[in-house]
Structure formats: structure tokens, C-alpha cells
Amino acid sequence: MISKGFINIANMIFDFQRIYGGKVQMGISDKLRYLKTQIGTLVRRIDEHEVQAELSQAKGDLNKTLMDLKKLEDDASSLREVFS
């Protein structure tokens, strides 16, 4: 996931150089501001993907816990029947 982010950063830098390198005169501060904005956007996207992955993992864990609780409930019912 993170290596993909670095590839995206590299691609943004190459695109930036291709688009702005010789065609438009920009000051260094403008170039840095542009890259900072693009990298910030990418970091937010990576964070969103990581959150999604963590939520998916948590959902799976909760589903497993729910199944375990249902099994315990069934076991308790069976024990009640045996001892009644």
C-alpha cells in the first residue's frame, strides 16, 4: 500500500515536470506549494485506504465473535436440555 503511494508520488513529480517544467514559468515556491498539495492529497488517500482496511478487519473480527457467541448460546441451550 505504501510503496504504491511512493510510486504515485513519483508519477506526480514526473507529471509536474512534464507539465510545468518548460512550458510555464513558475517560482520555486509555487512549485513546492503544488507538490506539497499533491503529496498531502495522496497522504489523505492512503490514510483513507488504511482506515478502510482496518474497518474491514474489525468487521471480520466482530463477525467471528458473533459466530462464537451464537455457538456458546447453542452450547448453553444443549446443556440446559441435558440437565433439565
PDB file of N, CA and C in Angstrom:
ATOM      1  N   MET A   1       0.840  -1.184   0.000  1.00  0.00           N
ATOM      2  CA  MET A   1       0.000   0.000   0.000  1.00  0.00           C
ATOM      3  C   MET A   1       0.888   1.252   0.000  1.00  0.00           C
ATOM      4  N   ILE A   2       1.881   1.288   0.888  1.00  0.00           N
ATOM      5  CA  ILE A   2       2.719   2.479   0.969  1.00  0.00           C
ATOM      6  C   ILE A   2       3.621   2.585  -0.251  1.00  0.00           C
ATOM      7  N   SER A   3       4.166   1.451  -0.724  1.00  0.00           N
ATOM      8  CA  SER A   3       5.023   1.506  -1.909  1.00  0.00           C
ATOM      9  C   SER A   3       4.242   2.026  -3.104  1.00  0.00           C
ATOM     10  N   LYS A   4       2.958   1.676  -3.179  1.00  0.00           N
ATOM     11  CA  LYS A   4       2.103   2.201  -4.240  1.00  0.00           C
ATOM     12  C   LYS A   4       1.989   3.717  -4.107  1.00  0.00           C
ATOM     13  N   GLY A   5       1.933   4.199  -2.871  1.00  0.00           N
ATOM     14  CA  GLY A   5       1.887   5.647  -2.624  1.00  0.00           C
ATOM     15  C   GLY A   5       3.146   6.337  -3.119  1.00  0.00           C
ATOM     16  N   PHE A   6       4.306   5.716  -2.891  1.00  0.00           N
ATOM     17  CA  PHE A   6       5.547   6.322  -3.362  1.00  0.00           C
ATOM     18  C   PHE A   6       5.610   6.344  -4.883  1.00  0.00           C
ATOM     19  N   ILE A   7       5.075   5.299  -5.498  1.00  0.00           N
ATOM     20  CA  ILE A   7       5.023   5.288  -6.963  1.00  0.00           C
ATOM     21  C   ILE A   7       4.133   6.419  -7.453  1.00  0.00           C
ATOM     22  N   ASN A   8       3.007   6.625  -6.767  1.00  0.00           N
ATOM     23  CA  ASN A   8       2.114   7.723  -7.141  1.00  0.00           C
ATOM     24  C   ASN A   8       2.797   9.075  -6.970  1.00  0.00           C
ATOM     25  N   ILE A   9       3.584   9.239  -5.902  1.00  0.00           N
ATOM     26  CA  ILE A   9       4.322  10.489  -5.701  1.00  0.00           C
ATOM     27  C   ILE A   9       5.308  10.700  -6.840  1.00  0.00           C
ATOM     28  N   ALA A  10       6.027   9.636  -7.194  1.00  0.00           N
ATOM     29  CA  ALA A  10       6.998   9.745  -8.292  1.00  0.00           C
ATOM     30  C   ALA A  10       6.282  10.119  -9.589  1.00  0.00           C
ATOM     31  N   ASN A  11       5.137   9.490  -9.841  1.00  0.00           N
ATOM     32  CA  ASN A  11       4.382   9.822 -11.051  1.00  0.00           C
ATOM     33  C   ASN A  11       3.916  11.278 -11.029  1.00  0.00           C
ATOM     34  N   MET A  12       3.491  11.764  -9.860  1.00  0.00           N
ATOM     35  CA  MET A  12       3.072  13.161  -9.764  1.00  0.00           C
ATOM     36  C   MET A  12       4.234  14.097 -10.071  1.00  0.00           C
ATOM     37  N   ILE A  13       5.408  13.740  -9.555  1.00  0.00           N
ATOM     38  CA  ILE A  13       6.581  14.588  -9.801  1.00  0.00           C
ATOM     39  C   ILE A  13       6.918  14.589 -11.292  1.00  0.00           C
ATOM     40  N   PHE A  14       6.882  13.414 -11.938  1.00  0.00           N
ATOM     41  CA  PHE A  14       7.161  13.361 -13.372  1.00  0.00           C
ATOM     42  C   PHE A  14       6.119  14.147 -14.166  1.00  0.00           C
ATOM     43  N   ASP A  15       4.839  13.995 -13.783  1.00  0.00           N
ATOM     44  CA  ASP A  15       3.787  14.767 -14.450  1.00  0.00           C
ATOM     45  C   ASP A  15       4.012  16.255 -14.255  1.00  0.00           C
ATOM     46  N   PHE A  16       4.374  16.624 -13.044  1.00  0.00           N
ATOM     47  CA  PHE A  16       4.635  18.023 -12.738  1.00  0.00           C
ATOM     48  C   PHE A  16       5.758  18.560 -13.616  1.00  0.00           C
ATOM     49  N   GLN A  17       6.839  17.791 -13.707  1.00  0.00           N
ATOM     50  CA  GLN A  17       7.965  18.222 -14.535  1.00  0.00           C
ATOM     51  C   GLN A  17       7.559  18.309 -15.999  1.00  0.00           C
ATOM     52  N   ARG A  18       6.775  17.341 -16.459  1.00  0.00           N
ATOM     53  CA  ARG A  18       6.351  17.338 -17.850  1.00  0.00           C
ATOM     54  C   ARG A  18       5.441  18.536 -18.134  1.00  0.00           C
ATOM     55  N   ILE A  19       4.492  18.798 -17.236  1.00  0.00           N
ATOM     56  CA  ILE A  19       3.514  19.862 -17.478  1.00  0.00           C
ATOM     57  C   ILE A  19       4.117  21.248 -17.244  1.00  0.00           C
ATOM     58  N   TYR A  20       4.805  21.384 -16.117  1.00  0.00           N
ATOM     59  CA  TYR A  20       5.245  22.715 -15.723  1.00  0.00           C
ATOM     60  C   TYR A  20       6.727  22.982 -15.982  1.00  0.00           C
ATOM     61  N   GLY A  21       7.463  21.922 -16.314  1.00  0.00           N
ATOM     62  CA  GLY A  21       8.912  22.051 -16.436  1.00  0.00           C
ATOM     63  C   GLY A  21       9.384  23.141 -17.370  1.00  0.00           C
ATOM     64  N   GLY A  22       8.933  23.164 -18.603  1.00  0.00           N
ATOM     65  CA  GLY A  22       9.431  24.137 -19.545  1.00  0.00           C
ATOM     66  C   GLY A  22       8.366  25.050 -20.095  1.00  0.00           C
ATOM     67  N   LYS A  23       7.108  24.700 -19.913  1.00  0.00           N
ATOM     68  CA  LYS A  23       6.045  25.454 -20.562  1.00  0.00           C
ATOM     69  C   LYS A  23       5.611  26.680 -19.781  1.00  0.00           C
ATOM     70  N   VAL A  24       5.613  26.576 -18.478  1.00  0.00           N
ATOM     71  CA  VAL A  24       5.111  27.680 -17.650  1.00  0.00           C
ATOM     72  C   VAL A  24       6.213  28.093 -16.685  1.00  0.00           C
ATOM     73  N   GLN A  25       6.463  29.374 -16.628  1.00  0.00           N
ATOM     74  CA  GLN A  25       7.460  29.866 -15.680  1.00  0.00           C
ATOM     75  C   GLN A  25       6.803  29.969 -14.305  1.00  0.00           C
ATOM     76  N   MET A  26       7.298  29.193 -13.372  1.00  0.00           N
ATOM     77  CA  MET A  26       6.794  29.227 -12.008  1.00  0.00           C
ATOM     78  C   MET A  26       7.969  29.438 -11.088  1.00  0.00           C
ATOM     79  N   GLY A  27       7.708  30.152 -10.013  1.00  0.00           N
ATOM     80  CA  GLY A  27       8.734  30.302  -8.997  1.00  0.00           C
ATOM     81  C   GLY A  27       8.892  29.003  -8.227  1.00  0.00           C
ATOM     82  N   ILE A  28      10.030  28.855  -7.569  1.00  0.00           N
ATOM     83  CA  ILE A  28      10.292  27.630  -6.815  1.00  0.00           C
ATOM     84  C   ILE A  28       9.254  27.453  -5.708  1.00  0.00           C
ATOM     85  N   SER A  29       8.816  28.562  -5.104  1.00  0.00           N
ATOM     86  CA  SER A  29       7.819  28.433  -4.029  1.00  0.00           C
ATOM     87  C   SER A  29       6.485  27.923  -4.595  1.00  0.00           C
ATOM     88  N   ASP A  30       6.128  28.351  -5.817  1.00  0.00           N
ATOM     89  CA  ASP A  30       4.904  27.846  -6.443  1.00  0.00           C
ATOM     90  C   ASP A  30       5.009  26.353  -6.729  1.00  0.00           C
ATOM     91  N   LYS A  31       6.163  25.934  -7.203  1.00  0.00           N
ATOM     92  CA  LYS A  31       6.378  24.520  -7.497  1.00  0.00           C
ATOM     93  C   LYS A  31       6.297  23.687  -6.216  1.00  0.00           C
ATOM     94  N   LEU A  32       6.939  24.175  -5.152  1.00  0.00           N
ATOM     95  CA  LEU A  32       6.926  23.448  -3.890  1.00  0.00           C
ATOM     96  C   LEU A  32       5.513  23.390  -3.306  1.00  0.00           C
ATOM     97  N   ARG A  33       4.792  24.487  -3.422  1.00  0.00           N
ATOM     98  CA  ARG A  33       3.410  24.529  -2.918  1.00  0.00           C
ATOM     99  C   ARG A  33       2.550  23.510  -3.676  1.00  0.00           C
ATOM    100  N   TYR A  34       2.731  23.441  -4.996  1.00  0.00           N
ATOM    101  CA  TYR A  34       1.991  22.472  -5.809  1.00  0.00           C
ATOM    102  C   TYR A  34       2.300  21.047  -5.362  1.00  0.00           C
ATOM    103  N   LEU A  35       3.576  20.705  -5.226  1.00  0.00           N
ATOM    104  CA  LEU A  35       3.961  19.367  -4.816  1.00  0.00           C
ATOM    105  C   LEU A  35       3.459  19.054  -3.409  1.00  0.00           C
ATOM    106  N   LYS A  36       3.542  20.036  -2.509  1.00  0.00           N
ATOM    107  CA  LYS A  36       3.062  19.843  -1.142  1.00  0.00           C
ATOM    108  C   LYS A  36       1.566  19.520  -1.143  1.00  0.00           C
ATOM    109  N   THR A  37       0.807  20.226  -1.943  1.00  0.00           N
ATOM    110  CA  THR A  37      -0.634  19.982  -2.044  1.00  0.00           C
ATOM    111  C   THR A  37      -0.903  18.589  -2.584  1.00  0.00           C
ATOM    112  N   GLN A  38      -0.200  18.210  -3.650  1.00  0.00           N
ATOM    113  CA  GLN A  38      -0.410  16.894  -4.250  1.00  0.00           C
ATOM    114  C   GLN A  38      -0.023  15.771  -3.299  1.00  0.00           C
ATOM    115  N   ILE A  39       1.095  15.922  -2.599  1.00  0.00           N
ATOM    116  CA  ILE A  39       1.537  14.897  -1.660  1.00  0.00           C
ATOM    117  C   ILE A  39       0.570  14.821  -0.479  1.00  0.00           C
ATOM    118  N   GLY A  40       0.090  15.960  -0.002  1.00  0.00           N
ATOM    119  CA  GLY A  40      -0.892  15.973   1.078  1.00  0.00           C
ATOM    120  C   GLY A  40      -2.158  15.235   0.694  1.00  0.00           C
ATOM    121  N   THR A  41      -2.610  15.449  -0.533  1.00  0.00           N
ATOM    122  CA  THR A  41      -3.795  14.748  -1.027  1.00  0.00           C
ATOM    123  C   THR A  41      -3.541  13.249  -1.065  1.00  0.00           C
ATOM    124  N   LEU A  42      -2.383  12.854  -1.525  1.00  0.00           N
ATOM    125  CA  LEU A  42      -2.041  11.438  -1.598  1.00  0.00           C
ATOM    126  C   LEU A  42      -1.986  10.816  -0.200  1.00  0.00           C
ATOM    127  N   VAL A  43      -1.409  11.528   0.754  1.00  0.00           N
ATOM    128  CA  VAL A  43      -1.329  11.012   2.128  1.00  0.00           C
ATOM    129  C   VAL A  43      -2.732  10.793   2.689  1.00  0.00           C
ATOM    130  N   ARG A  44      -3.639  11.733   2.437  1.00  0.00           N
ATOM    131  CA  ARG A  44      -5.024  11.568   2.905  1.00  0.00           C
ATOM    132  C   ARG A  44      -5.667  10.345   2.255  1.00  0.00           C
ATOM    133  N   ARG A  45      -5.398  10.140   0.978  1.00  0.00           N
ATOM    134  CA  ARG A  45      -5.964   8.969   0.291  1.00  0.00           C
ATOM    135  C   ARG A  45      -5.413   7.674   0.879  1.00  0.00           C
ATOM    136  N   ILE A  46      -4.111   7.656   1.164  1.00  0.00           N
ATOM    137  CA  ILE A  46      -3.500   6.469   1.774  1.00  0.00           C
ATOM    138  C   ILE A  46      -4.128   6.228   3.139  1.00  0.00           C
ATOM    139  N   ASP A  47      -4.296   7.293   3.942  1.00  0.00           N
ATOM    140  CA  ASP A  47      -4.927   7.155   5.252  1.00  0.00           C
ATOM    141  C   ASP A  47      -6.337   6.591   5.127  1.00  0.00           C
ATOM    142  N   GLU A  48      -7.098   7.068   4.151  1.00  0.00           N
ATOM    143  CA  GLU A  48      -8.464   6.575   3.950  1.00  0.00           C
ATOM    144  C   GLU A  48      -8.458   5.088   3.608  1.00  0.00           C
ATOM    145  N   HIS A  49      -7.503   4.665   2.778  1.00  0.00           N
ATOM    146  CA  HIS A  49      -7.430   3.251   2.409  1.00  0.00           C
ATOM    147  C   HIS A  49      -7.045   2.403   3.617  1.00  0.00           C
ATOM    148  N   GLU A  50      -6.120   2.921   4.445  1.00  0.00           N
ATOM    149  CA  GLU A  50      -5.713   2.173   5.627  1.00  0.00           C
ATOM    150  C   GLU A  50      -6.873   2.058   6.607  1.00  0.00           C
ATOM    151  N   VAL A  51      -7.644   3.132   6.750  1.00  0.00           N
ATOM    152  CA  VAL A  51      -8.812   3.094   7.629  1.00  0.00           C
ATOM    153  C   VAL A  51      -9.814   2.070   7.112  1.00  0.00           C
ATOM    154  N   GLN A  52     -10.033   2.062   5.794  1.00  0.00           N
ATOM    155  CA  GLN A  52     -10.957   1.084   5.205  1.00  0.00           C
ATOM    156  C   GLN A  52     -10.479  -0.337   5.491  1.00  0.00           C
ATOM    157  N   ALA A  53      -9.174  -0.570   5.360  1.00  0.00           N
ATOM    158  CA  ALA A  53      -8.637  -1.907   5.615  1.00  0.00           C
ATOM    159  C   ALA A  53      -8.822  -2.283   7.087  1.00  0.00           C
ATOM    160  N   GLU A  54      -8.588  -1.328   7.993  1.00  0.00           N
ATOM    161  CA  GLU A  54      -8.759  -1.601   9.410  1.00  0.00           C
ATOM    162  C   GLU A  54     -10.231  -1.865   9.733  1.00  0.00           C
ATOM    163  N   LEU A  55     -11.129  -1.102   9.109  1.00  0.00           N
ATOM    164  CA  LEU A  55     -12.558  -1.323   9.337  1.00  0.00           C
ATOM    165  C   LEU A  55     -12.989  -2.696   8.827  1.00  0.00           C
ATOM    166  N   SER A  56     -12.469  -3.100   7.694  1.00  0.00           N
ATOM    167  CA  SER A  56     -12.796  -4.424   7.159  1.00  0.00           C
ATOM    168  C   SER A  56     -12.307  -5.514   8.104  1.00  0.00           C
ATOM    169  N   GLN A  57     -11.103  -5.335   8.639  1.00  0.00           N
ATOM    170  CA  GLN A  57     -10.551  -6.308   9.590  1.00  0.00           C
ATOM    171  C   GLN A  57     -11.411  -6.350  10.853  1.00  0.00           C
ATOM    172  N   ALA A  58     -11.799  -5.188  11.353  1.00  0.00           N
ATOM    173  CA  ALA A  58     -12.630  -5.126  12.557  1.00  0.00           C
ATOM    174  C   ALA A  58     -13.988  -5.783  12.306  1.00  0.00           C
ATOM    175  N   LYS A  59     -14.557  -5.564  11.131  1.00  0.00           N
ATOM    176  CA  LYS A  59     -15.843  -6.187  10.779  1.00  0.00           C
ATOM    177  C   LYS A  59     -15.708  -7.705  10.783  1.00  0.00           C
ATOM    178  N   GLY A  60     -14.622  -8.201  10.216  1.00  0.00           N
ATOM    179  CA  GLY A  60     -14.383  -9.645  10.217  1.00  0.00           C
ATOM    180  C   GLY A  60     -14.240 -10.189  11.629  1.00  0.00           C
ATOM    181  N   ASP A  61     -13.509  -9.459  12.475  1.00  0.00           N
ATOM    182  CA  ASP A  61     -13.337  -9.879  13.867  1.00  0.00           C
ATOM    183  C   ASP A  61     -14.677  -9.904  14.600  1.00  0.00           C
ATOM    184  N   LEU A  62     -15.503  -8.877  14.372  1.00  0.00           N
ATOM    185  CA  LEU A  62     -16.814  -8.824  15.018  1.00  0.00           C
ATOM    186  C   LEU A  62     -17.719  -9.960  14.537  1.00  0.00           C
ATOM    187  N   ASN A  63     -17.666 -10.255  13.246  1.00  0.00           N
ATOM    188  CA  ASN A  63     -18.460 -11.369  12.723  1.00  0.00           C
ATOM    189  C   ASN A  63     -18.033 -12.693  13.345  1.00  0.00           C
ATOM    190  N   LYS A  64     -16.718 -12.880  13.517  1.00  0.00           N
ATOM    191  CA  LYS A  64     -16.214 -14.104  14.152  1.00  0.00           C
ATOM    192  C   LYS A  64     -16.674 -14.163  15.595  1.00  0.00           C
ATOM    193  N   THR A  65     -16.614 -13.051  16.305  1.00  0.00           N
ATOM    194  CA  THR A  65     -17.069 -13.008  17.696  1.00  0.00           C
ATOM    195  C   THR A  65     -18.554 -13.321  17.780  1.00  0.00           C
ATOM    196  N   LEU A  66     -19.333 -12.784  16.849  1.00  0.00           N
ATOM    197  CA  LEU A  66     -20.768 -13.062  16.820  1.00  0.00           C
ATOM    198  C   LEU A  66     -21.025 -14.547  16.608  1.00  0.00           C
ATOM    199  N   MET A  67     -20.284 -15.164  15.712  1.00  0.00           N
ATOM    200  CA  MET A  67     -20.446 -16.606  15.474  1.00  0.00           C
ATOM    201  C   MET A  67     -20.067 -17.398  16.730  1.00  0.00           C
ATOM    202  N   ASP A  68     -18.991 -16.981  17.404  1.00  0.00           N
ATOM    203  CA  ASP A  68     -18.582 -17.645  18.646  1.00  0.00           C
ATOM    204  C   ASP A  68     -19.665 -17.513  19.712  1.00  0.00           C
ATOM    205  N   LEU A  69     -20.276 -16.328  19.812  1.00  0.00           N
ATOM    206  CA  LEU A  69     -21.346 -16.130  20.794  1.00  0.00           C
ATOM    207  C   LEU A  69     -22.563 -17.003  20.477  1.00  0.00           C
ATOM    208  N   LYS A  70     -22.899 -17.122  19.204  1.00  0.00           N
ATOM    209  CA  LYS A  70     -24.022 -17.982  18.816  1.00  0.00           C
ATOM    210  C   LYS A  70     -23.731 -19.434  19.177  1.00  0.00           C
ATOM    211  N   LYS A  71     -22.479 -19.858  18.966  1.00  0.00           N
ATOM    212  CA  LYS A  71     -22.100 -21.230  19.315  1.00  0.00           C
ATOM    213  C   LYS A  71     -22.211 -21.434  20.824  1.00  0.00           C
ATOM    214  N   LEU A  72     -21.755 -20.455  21.599  1.00  0.00           N
ATOM    215  CA  LEU A  72     -21.876 -20.559  23.050  1.00  0.00           C
ATOM    216  C   LEU A  72     -23.341 -20.629  23.480  1.00  0.00           C
ATOM    217  N   GLU A  73     -24.171 -19.840  22.828  1.00  0.00           N
ATOM    218  CA  GLU A  73     -25.599 -19.857  23.132  1.00  0.00           C
ATOM    219  C   GLU A  73     -26.195 -21.233  22.835  1.00  0.00           C
ATOM    220  N   ASP A  74     -25.815 -21.820  21.709  1.00  0.00           N
ATOM    221  CA  ASP A  74     -26.288 -23.159  21.353  1.00  0.00           C
ATOM    222  C   ASP A  74     -25.796 -24.193  22.364  1.00  0.00           C
ATOM    223  N   ASP A  75     -24.525 -24.068  22.771  1.00  0.00           N
ATOM    224  CA  ASP A  75     -23.968 -24.988  23.764  1.00  0.00           C
ATOM    225  C   ASP A  75     -24.708 -24.854  25.089  1.00  0.00           C
ATOM    226  N   ALA A  76     -25.030 -23.619  25.488  1.00  0.00           N
ATOM    227  CA  ALA A  76     -25.760 -23.399  26.731  1.00  0.00           C
ATOM    228  C   ALA A  76     -27.158 -24.023  26.654  1.00  0.00           C
ATOM    229  N   SER A  77     -27.804 -23.882  25.504  1.00  0.00           N
ATOM    230  CA  SER A  77     -29.132 -24.484  25.323  1.00  0.00           C
ATOM    231  C   SER A  77     -29.042 -26.010  25.430  1.00  0.00           C
ATOM    232  N   SER A  78     -28.015 -26.577  24.821  1.00  0.00           N
ATOM    233  CA  SER A  78     -27.831 -28.031  24.883  1.00  0.00           C
ATOM    234  C   SER A  78     -27.609 -28.485  26.322  1.00  0.00           C
ATOM    235  N   LEU A  79     -26.816 -27.734  27.077  1.00  0.00           N
ATOM    236  CA  LEU A  79     -26.562 -28.098  28.470  1.00  0.00           C
ATOM    237  C   LEU A  79     -27.835 -27.998  29.305  1.00  0.00           C
ATOM    238  N   ARG A  80     -28.654 -26.988  29.036  1.00  0.00           N
ATOM    239  CA  ARG A  80     -29.922 -26.845  29.760  1.00  0.00           C
ATOM    240  C   ARG A  80     -30.811 -28.058  29.506  1.00  0.00           C
ATOM    241  N   GLU A  81     -30.841 -28.493  28.252  1.00  0.00           N
ATOM    242  CA  GLU A  81     -31.673 -29.649  27.910  1.00  0.00           C
ATOM    243  C   GLU A  81     -31.163 -30.916  28.607  1.00  0.00           C
ATOM    244  N   VAL A  82     -29.846 -31.057  28.683  1.00  0.00           N
ATOM    245  CA  VAL A  82     -29.260 -32.242  29.310  1.00  0.00           C
ATOM    246  C   VAL A  82     -29.574 -32.253  30.801  1.00  0.00           C
ATOM    247  N   PHE A  83     -29.482 -31.102  31.464  1.00  0.00           N
ATOM    248  CA  PHE A  83     -29.665 -31.055  32.913  1.00  0.00           C
ATOM    249  C   PHE A  83     -31.109 -30.789  33.333  1.00  0.00           C
ATOM    250  N   SER A  84     -32.037 -30.686  32.400  1.00  0.00           N
ATOM    251  CA  SER A  84     -33.420 -30.464  32.806  1.00  0.00           C
ATOM    252  C   SER A  84     -34.189 -31.750  32.948  1.00  0.00           C
TER     253      SER A  84
END
